[in-house]
C-alpha atoms as a PDB file:
ATOM      1  CA  MET A   1       3.401  16.060  17.208  1.00  0.00           C
ATOM      2  CA  PRO A   2       3.213  12.234  17.445  1.00  0.00           C
ATOM      3  CA  MET A   3       6.100  10.575  19.252  1.00  0.00           C
ATOM      4  CA  SER A   4       7.415   8.659  16.218  1.00  0.00           C
ATOM      5  CA  ILE A   5       7.653  11.818  14.101  1.00  0.00           C
ATOM      6  CA  GLN A   6       9.356  13.649  16.930  1.00  0.00           C
ATOM      7  CA  ALA A   7      11.837  10.777  17.391  1.00  0.00           C
ATOM      8  CA  ALA A   8      12.623  10.699  13.668  1.00  0.00           C
ATOM      9  CA  GLU A   9      13.131  14.446  13.657  1.00  0.00           C
ATOM     10  CA  GLU A  10      15.528  14.304  16.593  1.00  0.00           C
ATOM     11  CA  ASN A  11      17.476  11.188  15.559  1.00  0.00           C
ATOM     12  CA  LEU A  12      17.651  11.619  11.784  1.00  0.00           C
ATOM     13  CA  GLY A  13      17.513  15.364  11.489  1.00  0.00           C
ATOM     14  CA  VAL A  14      14.533  15.163   9.121  1.00  0.00           C
ATOM     15  CA  PRO A  15      12.081  18.031   9.611  1.00  0.00           C
ATOM     16  CA  ALA A  16       8.496  17.208  10.552  1.00  0.00           C
ATOM     17  CA  ALA A  17       7.211  18.732   7.299  1.00  0.00           C
ATOM     18  CA  GLY A  18       9.362  16.295   5.296  1.00  0.00           C
ATOM     19  CA  ILE A  19       8.060  13.322   7.254  1.00  0.00           C
ATOM     20  CA  ALA A  20       4.462  14.511   6.791  1.00  0.00           C
ATOM     21  CA  LEU A  21       5.053  14.736   3.032  1.00  0.00           C
ATOM     22  CA  ILE A  22       6.437  11.191   2.936  1.00  0.00           C
ATOM     23  CA  LEU A  23       3.505   9.856   4.968  1.00  0.00           C
ATOM     24  CA  GLY A  24       0.998  11.604   2.686  1.00  0.00           C
ATOM     25  CA  VAL A  25       2.536  10.141  -0.464  1.00  0.00           C
ATOM     26  CA  ASP A  26       2.849   6.701   1.120  1.00  0.00           C
ATOM     27  CA  ARG A  27      -0.870   6.636   1.849  1.00  0.00           C
ATOM     28  CA  ILE A  28      -1.693   7.194  -1.826  1.00  0.00           C
ATOM     29  CA  LEU A  29       0.796   4.527  -2.909  1.00  0.00           C
ATOM     30  CA  ASP A  30      -0.598   2.099  -0.325  1.00  0.00           C
ATOM     31  CA  MET A  31      -4.124   2.545  -1.682  1.00  0.00           C
ATOM     32  CA  SER A  32      -2.811   1.889  -5.199  1.00  0.00           C
ATOM     33  CA  ARG A  33      -1.045  -1.280  -4.075  1.00  0.00           C
ATOM     34  CA  SER A  34      -4.237  -2.491  -2.387  1.00  0.00           C
ATOM     35  CA  ALA A  35      -6.325  -1.851  -5.506  1.00  0.00           C
ATOM     36  CA  ILE A  36      -3.833  -3.728  -7.690  1.00  0.00           C
ATOM     37  CA  ASP A  37      -3.814  -6.622  -5.211  1.00  0.00           C
ATOM     38  CA  VAL A  38      -7.609  -6.872  -5.239  1.00  0.00           C
ATOM     39  CA  ALA A  39      -7.662  -6.766  -9.044  1.00  0.00           C
ATOM     40  CA  GLY A  40      -5.066  -9.547  -9.193  1.00  0.00           C
ATOM     41  CA  GLU A  41      -7.063 -11.712  -6.804  1.00  0.00           C
ATOM     42  CA  LEU A  42     -10.164 -11.144  -8.928  1.00  0.00           C
ATOM     43  CA  VAL A  43      -8.346 -12.213 -12.100  1.00  0.00           C
ATOM     44  CA  ALA A  44      -7.018 -15.320 -10.361  1.00  0.00           C
ATOM     45  CA  CYS A  45     -10.536 -16.287  -9.242  1.00  0.00           C
ATOM     46  CA  LEU A  46     -11.932 -15.826 -12.736  1.00  0.00           C
ATOM     47  CA  LEU A  47      -9.142 -17.875 -14.304  1.00  0.00           C
ATOM     48  CA  MET A  48      -9.626 -20.710 -11.819  1.00  0.00           C
ATOM     49  CA  ALA A  49     -13.390 -20.713 -12.430  1.00  0.00           C
ATOM     50  CA  ARG A  50     -12.863 -20.967 -16.201  1.00  0.00           C
ATOM     51  CA  TRP A  51     -10.230 -23.666 -15.764  1.00  0.00           C
ATOM     52  CA  GLN A  52     -12.549 -25.738 -13.594  1.00  0.00           C
ATOM     53  CA  GLN A  53     -15.416 -25.393 -16.072  1.00  0.00           C
ATOM     54  CA  SER A  54     -13.208 -26.528 -18.949  1.00  0.00           C
ATOM     55  CA  ARG A  55     -12.240 -29.688 -17.040  1.00  0.00           C
ATOM     56  CA  ARG A  56     -15.867 -30.837 -16.712  1.00  0.00           C
END
């Protein structure tokens, strides 16, 4: 068991299975946040490119 999970289990009284569940769900949410961030950056680049072309 990694040290951080063991410390959380001892200090907070949260079982290791509960922490593993939280970490598993957080990974999925983190991937979703990253995908949304990349999509937003793409949209911003496209908007700036169109804005610059319209100024010429």
